[in-house]
Amino acid sequence: MNETFFCNKCGAQNAAGAQFCNRCGAPTGPTPGVVPTAVGSPSASSPNPASSNPASSYPASATPYQAVAPAVGVGYGGFWIRVVAAIIDGIILRVVVAPVGMIFGGLGLARTMSGLPHAGLAVLGGGVTFILLIFGSWLYEAFMESSSYQATLGKMIFGMKVTDLNGNRISFERATGRHFAKWLSAMVLGIGYIMVGFTDRKQGLHDLLAGTLVRRG
């Protein structure tokens, strides 16, 4: 029976007399402190624990894997923080539109001081302001949420972004659909907004309809 021995580096079994390991190619010369044990030899009946177990002779640096710290998950924007962000956006929008109302208000005051009727001018001013608020709100949200910022200024303050279900940037069309879907969320007694506090990924009715998420972090 041919005698064999185990490689001190990788633990592979080699034929007696081999100068290099047939697996890892390491020299098979004797290593200080380690006595190779031949299979079938008298000493094989009481082998050295380090040589009888090939895995025990592996170098400490040759570990099969290293522990990796778990990645920190991305959270979602909750109900109240989104309410505060919406209030901030509403204030910003009204500050932009306010000069138009001030212009019509000033014209109405001038007509009052001159004794001319100004009811029609006041109605016109209110109508123009309302229309600007509707269109301004749509363009503001759609452009900002589909831009590289992926959020309105209110959401940016709290580190939130609007994405699709895969975390990607949404298009202007989807941002537009999400904006007008908010009307449905408001029409059902605001339940569409309240859903944000109870769904797993903090989605309101408008988010579900548009296929969007509000991520934070």
C-alpha atoms as a PDB file:
ATOM      1  CA  MET A   1       0.000   0.000   0.000  1.00  0.00           C
ATOM      2  CA  ASN A   2       1.426   3.334  -1.014  1.00  0.00           C
ATOM      3  CA  GLU A   3       1.979   5.745   1.807  1.00  0.00           C
ATOM      4  CA  THR A   4       0.452   9.202   1.588  1.00  0.00           C
ATOM      5  CA  PHE A   5       0.556  12.352   3.664  1.00  0.00           C
ATOM      6  CA  PHE A   6      -1.470  15.552   4.070  1.00  0.00           C
ATOM      7  CA  CYS A   7      -0.307  18.979   2.877  1.00  0.00           C
ATOM      8  CA  ASN A   8       0.461  21.363   5.747  1.00  0.00           C
ATOM      9  CA  LYS A   9      -1.029  24.283   3.795  1.00  0.00           C
ATOM     10  CA  CYS A  10      -4.327  23.090   2.327  1.00  0.00           C
ATOM     11  CA  GLY A  11      -4.779  19.625   3.836  1.00  0.00           C
ATOM     12  CA  ALA A  12      -4.821  17.810   0.490  1.00  0.00           C
ATOM     13  CA  GLN A  13      -3.683  14.176   0.409  1.00  0.00           C
ATOM     14  CA  ASN A  14      -0.442  13.590  -1.516  1.00  0.00           C
ATOM     15  CA  ALA A  15       1.635  10.540  -2.451  1.00  0.00           C
ATOM     16  CA  ALA A  16       4.745   9.862  -0.405  1.00  0.00           C
ATOM     17  CA  GLY A  17       7.827  11.526  -1.870  1.00  0.00           C
ATOM     18  CA  ALA A  18       5.949  14.350  -3.595  1.00  0.00           C
ATOM     19  CA  GLN A  19       7.925  17.582  -3.420  1.00  0.00           C
ATOM     20  CA  PHE A  20       4.934  19.870  -4.113  1.00  0.00           C
ATOM     21  CA  CYS A  21       1.278  19.621  -3.155  1.00  0.00           C
ATOM     22  CA  ASN A  22      -0.905  18.415  -6.028  1.00  0.00           C
ATOM     23  CA  ARG A  23      -3.628  20.919  -5.036  1.00  0.00           C
ATOM     24  CA  CYS A  24      -2.046  24.176  -3.893  1.00  0.00           C
ATOM     25  CA  GLY A  25       1.502  23.672  -5.215  1.00  0.00           C
ATOM     26  CA  ALA A  26       3.111  24.465  -1.854  1.00  0.00           C
ATOM     27  CA  PRO A  27       6.463  22.777  -1.052  1.00  0.00           C
ATOM     28  CA  THR A  28       5.945  19.588   0.948  1.00  0.00           C
ATOM     29  CA  GLY A  29       9.148  19.877   2.952  1.00  0.00           C
ATOM     30  CA  PRO A  30       8.921  19.541   6.718  1.00  0.00           C
ATOM     31  CA  THR A  31       7.624  22.556   8.622  1.00  0.00           C
ATOM     32  CA  PRO A  32       9.133  23.350  12.029  1.00  0.00           C
ATOM     33  CA  GLY A  33       6.945  21.986  14.769  1.00  0.00           C
ATOM     34  CA  VAL A  34       4.776  19.900  12.379  1.00  0.00           C
ATOM     35  CA  VAL A  35       5.454  16.244  11.671  1.00  0.00           C
ATOM     36  CA  PRO A  36       3.628  14.904   8.577  1.00  0.00           C
ATOM     37  CA  THR A  37       1.866  11.632   9.205  1.00  0.00           C
ATOM     38  CA  ALA A  38       1.728   9.071   6.445  1.00  0.00           C
ATOM     39  CA  VAL A  39      -1.467   7.142   5.927  1.00  0.00           C
ATOM     40  CA  GLY A  40      -0.910   3.496   6.750  1.00  0.00           C
ATOM     41  CA  SER A  41       2.231   4.123   8.781  1.00  0.00           C
ATOM     42  CA  PRO A  42       2.468   2.959  12.410  1.00  0.00           C
ATOM     43  CA  SER A  43       2.134   6.524  13.669  1.00  0.00           C
ATOM     44  CA  ALA A  44      -1.195   6.864  11.932  1.00  0.00           C
ATOM     45  CA  SER A  45      -2.882   5.013  14.783  1.00  0.00           C
ATOM     46  CA  SER A  46      -2.264   7.978  17.065  1.00  0.00           C
ATOM     47  CA  PRO A  47      -2.060  10.956  14.699  1.00  0.00           C
ATOM     48  CA  ASN A  48      -1.105  14.462  15.630  1.00  0.00           C
ATOM     49  CA  PRO A  49      -4.416  16.401  16.008  1.00  0.00           C
ATOM     50  CA  ALA A  50      -3.054  19.207  13.835  1.00  0.00           C
ATOM     51  CA  SER A  51      -2.081  16.851  11.018  1.00  0.00           C
ATOM     52  CA  SER A  52      -5.083  14.492  11.229  1.00  0.00           C
ATOM     53  CA  ASN A  53      -7.498  17.347  10.707  1.00  0.00           C
ATOM     54  CA  PRO A  54      -6.591  19.168   7.468  1.00  0.00           C
ATOM     55  CA  ALA A  55      -8.733  22.164   8.340  1.00  0.00           C
ATOM     56  CA  SER A  56      -6.765  22.761  11.543  1.00  0.00           C
ATOM     57  CA  SER A  57      -3.601  23.411   9.535  1.00  0.00           C
ATOM     58  CA  TYR A  58      -5.129  26.280   7.555  1.00  0.00           C
ATOM     59  CA  PRO A  59      -3.487  29.660   8.146  1.00  0.00           C
ATOM     60  CA  ALA A  60      -5.514  31.992  10.340  1.00  0.00           C
ATOM     61  CA  SER A  61      -5.863  34.495   7.481  1.00  0.00           C
ATOM     62  CA  ALA A  62      -7.518  31.948   5.181  1.00  0.00           C
ATOM     63  CA  THR A  63     -10.981  32.243   6.696  1.00  0.00           C
ATOM     64  CA  PRO A  64     -13.778  31.309   4.275  1.00  0.00           C
ATOM     65  CA  TYR A  65     -15.688  34.551   4.836  1.00  0.00           C
ATOM     66  CA  GLN A  66     -15.686  37.726   6.836  1.00  0.00           C
ATOM     67  CA  ALA A  67     -18.579  39.118   8.806  1.00  0.00           C
ATOM     68  CA  VAL A  68     -20.200  42.086   7.096  1.00  0.00           C
ATOM     69  CA  ALA A  69     -22.179  44.708   8.989  1.00  0.00           C
ATOM     70  CA  PRO A  70     -25.831  44.773   7.906  1.00  0.00           C
ATOM     71  CA  ALA A  71     -26.817  47.663   5.649  1.00  0.00           C
ATOM     72  CA  VAL A  72     -28.931  50.352   7.206  1.00  0.00           C
ATOM     73  CA  GLY A  73     -32.417  50.304   5.687  1.00  0.00           C
ATOM     74  CA  VAL A  74     -34.111  53.298   4.191  1.00  0.00           C
ATOM     75  CA  GLY A  75     -37.160  54.520   6.081  1.00  0.00           C
ATOM     76  CA  TYR A  76     -40.333  56.146   4.839  1.00  0.00           C
ATOM     77  CA  GLY A  77     -41.834  59.542   5.503  1.00  0.00           C
ATOM     78  CA  GLY A  78     -44.566  59.244   8.106  1.00  0.00           C
ATOM     79  CA  PHE A  79     -47.893  61.057   8.352  1.00  0.00           C
ATOM     80  CA  TRP A  80     -47.042  63.999  10.603  1.00  0.00           C
ATOM     81  CA  ILE A  81     -43.703  64.846   9.063  1.00  0.00           C
ATOM     82  CA  ARG A  82     -45.372  64.955   5.647  1.00  0.00           C
ATOM     83  CA  VAL A  83     -48.101  67.209   7.037  1.00  0.00           C
ATOM     84  CA  VAL A  84     -45.464  69.669   8.258  1.00  0.00           C
ATOM     85  CA  ALA A  85     -43.671  69.485   4.883  1.00  0.00           C
ATOM     86  CA  ALA A  86     -46.981  70.202   3.090  1.00  0.00           C
ATOM     87  CA  ILE A  87     -47.602  73.223   5.322  1.00  0.00           C
ATOM     88  CA  ILE A  88     -44.143  74.587   4.477  1.00  0.00           C
ATOM     89  CA  ASP A  89     -44.787  74.063   0.751  1.00  0.00           C
ATOM     90  CA  GLY A  90     -48.149  75.804   1.062  1.00  0.00           C
ATOM     91  CA  ILE A  91     -46.547  78.817   2.724  1.00  0.00           C
ATOM     92  CA  ILE A  92     -43.855  79.006   0.021  1.00  0.00           C
ATOM     93  CA  LEU A  93     -46.447  78.842  -2.750  1.00  0.00           C
ATOM     94  CA  ARG A  94     -48.619  81.545  -1.212  1.00  0.00           C
ATOM     95  CA  VAL A  95     -45.635  83.815  -0.740  1.00  0.00           C
ATOM     96  CA  VAL A  96     -44.982  83.522  -4.487  1.00  0.00           C
ATOM     97  CA  VAL A  97     -48.627  84.117  -5.441  1.00  0.00           C
ATOM     98  CA  ALA A  98     -49.259  86.841  -2.840  1.00  0.00           C
ATOM     99  CA  PRO A  99     -47.957  89.720  -5.009  1.00  0.00           C
ATOM    100  CA  VAL A 100     -50.734  89.074  -7.550  1.00  0.00           C
ATOM    101  CA  GLY A 101     -53.386  89.415  -4.848  1.00  0.00           C
ATOM    102  CA  MET A 102     -51.686  92.527  -3.558  1.00  0.00           C
ATOM    103  CA  ILE A 103     -51.815  94.094  -7.027  1.00  0.00           C
ATOM    104  CA  PHE A 104     -55.554  93.515  -7.392  1.00  0.00           C
ATOM    105  CA  GLY A 105     -56.114  94.574  -3.781  1.00  0.00           C
ATOM    106  CA  GLY A 106     -54.256  97.825  -4.407  1.00  0.00           C
ATOM    107  CA  LEU A 107     -56.335  98.526  -7.530  1.00  0.00           C
ATOM    108  CA  GLY A 108     -59.510  97.881  -5.550  1.00  0.00           C
ATOM    109  CA  LEU A 109     -58.423 100.255  -2.809  1.00  0.00           C
ATOM    110  CA  ALA A 110     -57.651 102.933  -5.373  1.00  0.00           C
ATOM    111  CA  ARG A 111     -61.118 102.576  -6.897  1.00  0.00           C
ATOM    112  CA  THR A 112     -62.722 102.760  -3.454  1.00  0.00           C
ATOM    113  CA  MET A 113     -60.904 105.998  -2.699  1.00  0.00           C
ATOM    114  CA  SER A 114     -62.027 107.429  -6.019  1.00  0.00           C
ATOM    115  CA  GLY A 115     -65.666 106.463  -5.398  1.00  0.00           C
ATOM    116  CA  LEU A 116     -65.827 103.906  -8.241  1.00  0.00           C
ATOM    117  CA  PRO A 117     -67.293 100.384  -7.743  1.00  0.00           C
ATOM    118  CA  HIS A 118     -64.668  97.715  -7.215  1.00  0.00           C
ATOM    119  CA  ALA A 119     -66.658  94.523  -6.571  1.00  0.00           C
ATOM    120  CA  GLY A 120     -65.886  93.069 -10.007  1.00  0.00           C
ATOM    121  CA  LEU A 121     -62.192  93.812  -9.624  1.00  0.00           C
ATOM    122  CA  ALA A 122     -62.106  92.032  -6.255  1.00  0.00           C
ATOM    123  CA  VAL A 123     -63.834  88.959  -7.700  1.00  0.00           C
ATOM    124  CA  LEU A 124     -61.421  88.931 -10.640  1.00  0.00           C
ATOM    125  CA  GLY A 125     -58.441  89.252  -8.331  1.00  0.00           C
ATOM    126  CA  GLY A 126     -59.640  86.386  -6.148  1.00  0.00           C
ATOM    127  CA  GLY A 127     -60.274  84.196  -9.192  1.00  0.00           C
ATOM    128  CA  VAL A 128     -56.854  84.859 -10.674  1.00  0.00           C
ATOM    129  CA  THR A 129     -55.182  84.125  -7.327  1.00  0.00           C
ATOM    130  CA  PHE A 130     -57.104  80.847  -6.985  1.00  0.00           C
ATOM    131  CA  ILE A 131     -56.152  79.739 -10.495  1.00  0.00           C
ATOM    132  CA  LEU A 132     -52.526  80.605  -9.888  1.00  0.00           C
ATOM    133  CA  LEU A 133     -52.564  78.572  -6.688  1.00  0.00           C
ATOM    134  CA  ILE A 134     -53.961  75.516  -8.505  1.00  0.00           C
ATOM    135  CA  PHE A 135     -51.577  75.663 -11.452  1.00  0.00           C
ATOM    136  CA  GLY A 136     -48.667  76.840  -9.342  1.00  0.00           C
ATOM    137  CA  SER A 137     -49.101  73.962  -6.905  1.00  0.00           C
ATOM    138  CA  TRP A 138     -49.217  71.438  -9.759  1.00  0.00           C
ATOM    139  CA  LEU A 139     -46.155  72.788 -11.567  1.00  0.00           C
ATOM    140  CA  TYR A 140     -44.221  73.250  -8.336  1.00  0.00           C
ATOM    141  CA  GLU A 141     -44.750  69.682  -7.130  1.00  0.00           C
ATOM    142  CA  ALA A 142     -44.453  67.999 -10.526  1.00  0.00           C
ATOM    143  CA  PHE A 143     -41.238  69.781 -11.503  1.00  0.00           C
ATOM    144  CA  MET A 144     -39.549  69.454  -8.121  1.00  0.00           C
ATOM    145  CA  GLU A 145     -40.456  65.793  -7.502  1.00  0.00           C
ATOM    146  CA  SER A 146     -39.386  64.755 -11.011  1.00  0.00           C
ATOM    147  CA  SER A 147     -36.173  66.777 -10.841  1.00  0.00           C
ATOM    148  CA  SER A 148     -32.824  65.550  -9.559  1.00  0.00           C
ATOM    149  CA  TYR A 149     -33.897  66.754  -6.090  1.00  0.00           C
ATOM    150  CA  GLN A 150     -36.889  64.339  -6.153  1.00  0.00           C
ATOM    151  CA  ALA A 151     -38.691  66.445  -3.565  1.00  0.00           C
ATOM    152  CA  THR A 152     -40.349  69.760  -2.893  1.00  0.00           C
ATOM    153  CA  LEU A 153     -38.602  72.221  -0.602  1.00  0.00           C
ATOM    154  CA  GLY A 154     -40.719  71.115   2.346  1.00  0.00           C
ATOM    155  CA  LYS A 155     -39.738  67.471   1.860  1.00  0.00           C
ATOM    156  CA  MET A 156     -36.095  68.376   1.267  1.00  0.00           C
ATOM    157  CA  ILE A 157     -35.925  70.032   4.694  1.00  0.00           C
ATOM    158  CA  PHE A 158     -36.725  66.671   6.314  1.00  0.00           C
ATOM    159  CA  GLY A 159     -34.570  64.569   3.984  1.00  0.00           C
ATOM    160  CA  MET A 160     -37.461  62.986   2.068  1.00  0.00           C
ATOM    161  CA  LYS A 161     -37.602  61.993  -1.592  1.00  0.00           C
ATOM    162  CA  VAL A 162     -40.409  60.817  -3.866  1.00  0.00           C
ATOM    163  CA  THR A 163     -39.481  57.673  -5.811  1.00  0.00           C
ATOM    164  CA  ASP A 164     -41.131  54.854  -7.697  1.00  0.00           C
ATOM    165  CA  LEU A 165     -41.573  51.459  -6.038  1.00  0.00           C
ATOM    166  CA  ASN A 166     -37.974  50.534  -6.905  1.00  0.00           C
ATOM    167  CA  GLY A 167     -36.456  53.695  -5.456  1.00  0.00           C
ATOM    168  CA  ASN A 168     -35.899  55.377  -8.833  1.00  0.00           C
ATOM    169  CA  ARG A 169     -36.578  58.962  -9.859  1.00  0.00           C
ATOM    170  CA  ILE A 170     -40.097  59.476 -11.205  1.00  0.00           C
ATOM    171  CA  SER A 171     -41.102  61.195 -14.432  1.00  0.00           C
ATOM    172  CA  PHE A 172     -42.950  64.494 -14.756  1.00  0.00           C
ATOM    173  CA  GLU A 173     -46.048  62.594 -15.929  1.00  0.00           C
ATOM    174  CA  ARG A 174     -46.073  60.346 -12.869  1.00  0.00           C
ATOM    175  CA  ALA A 175     -45.467  63.325 -10.584  1.00  0.00           C
ATOM    176  CA  THR A 176     -48.436  65.047 -12.251  1.00  0.00           C
ATOM    177  CA  GLY A 177     -50.630  61.984 -11.711  1.00  0.00           C
ATOM    178  CA  ARG A 178     -49.557  61.812  -8.072  1.00  0.00           C
ATOM    179  CA  HIS A 179     -50.396  65.482  -7.550  1.00  0.00           C
ATOM    180  CA  PHE A 180     -53.934  65.253  -8.925  1.00  0.00           C
ATOM    181  CA  ALA A 181     -54.497  61.908  -7.192  1.00  0.00           C
ATOM    182  CA  LYS A 182     -54.225  63.901  -3.962  1.00  0.00           C
ATOM    183  CA  TRP A 183     -57.605  65.369  -4.812  1.00  0.00           C
ATOM    184  CA  LEU A 184     -59.078  61.874  -4.466  1.00  0.00           C
ATOM    185  CA  SER A 185     -57.272  61.426  -1.158  1.00  0.00           C
ATOM    186  CA  ALA A 186     -58.934  64.627   0.082  1.00  0.00           C
ATOM    187  CA  MET A 187     -62.385  63.860  -1.375  1.00  0.00           C
ATOM    188  CA  VAL A 188     -62.847  60.695   0.699  1.00  0.00           C
ATOM    189  CA  LEU A 189     -62.901  62.702   3.930  1.00  0.00           C
ATOM    190  CA  GLY A 190     -59.129  62.852   3.964  1.00  0.00           C
ATOM    191  CA  ILE A 191     -58.880  59.072   4.466  1.00  0.00           C
ATOM    192  CA  GLY A 192     -56.486  58.885   1.522  1.00  0.00           C
ATOM    193  CA  TYR A 193     -54.018  60.969   3.521  1.00  0.00           C
ATOM    194  CA  ILE A 194     -54.667  59.173   6.812  1.00  0.00           C
ATOM    195  CA  MET A 195     -53.687  55.900   5.113  1.00  0.00           C
ATOM    196  CA  VAL A 196     -50.070  57.095   5.319  1.00  0.00           C
ATOM    197  CA  GLY A 197     -50.102  56.357   9.036  1.00  0.00           C
ATOM    198  CA  PHE A 198     -51.326  52.767   8.642  1.00  0.00           C
ATOM    199  CA  THR A 199     -49.809  51.278   5.480  1.00  0.00           C
ATOM    200  CA  ASP A 200     -46.545  49.311   5.661  1.00  0.00           C
ATOM    201  CA  ARG A 201     -44.598  51.653   3.400  1.00  0.00           C
ATOM    202  CA  LYS A 202     -46.369  54.839   4.502  1.00  0.00           C
ATOM    203  CA  GLN A 203     -48.324  55.193   1.254  1.00  0.00           C
ATOM    204  CA  GLY A 204     -51.357  57.390   0.929  1.00  0.00           C
ATOM    205  CA  LEU A 205     -54.107  56.684  -1.591  1.00  0.00           C
ATOM    206  CA  HIS A 206     -52.352  58.981  -4.076  1.00  0.00           C
ATOM    207  CA  ASP A 207     -49.102  57.047  -3.618  1.00  0.00           C
ATOM    208  CA  LEU A 208     -50.855  53.740  -4.253  1.00  0.00           C
ATOM    209  CA  LEU A 209     -52.523  55.091  -7.389  1.00  0.00           C
ATOM    210  CA  ALA A 210     -49.321  56.622  -8.757  1.00  0.00           C
ATOM    211  CA  GLY A 211     -47.036  53.789  -7.662  1.00  0.00           C
ATOM    212  CA  THR A 212     -44.773  56.029  -5.599  1.00  0.00           C
ATOM    213  CA  LEU A 213     -43.034  56.038  -2.232  1.00  0.00           C
ATOM    214  CA  VAL A 214     -41.859  58.856   0.015  1.00  0.00           C
ATOM    215  CA  ARG A 215     -38.480  57.714   1.304  1.00  0.00           C
ATOM    216  CA  ARG A 216     -36.517  59.213   4.129  1.00  0.00           C
ATOM    217  CA  GLY A 217     -32.837  58.682   4.814  1.00  0.00           C
END
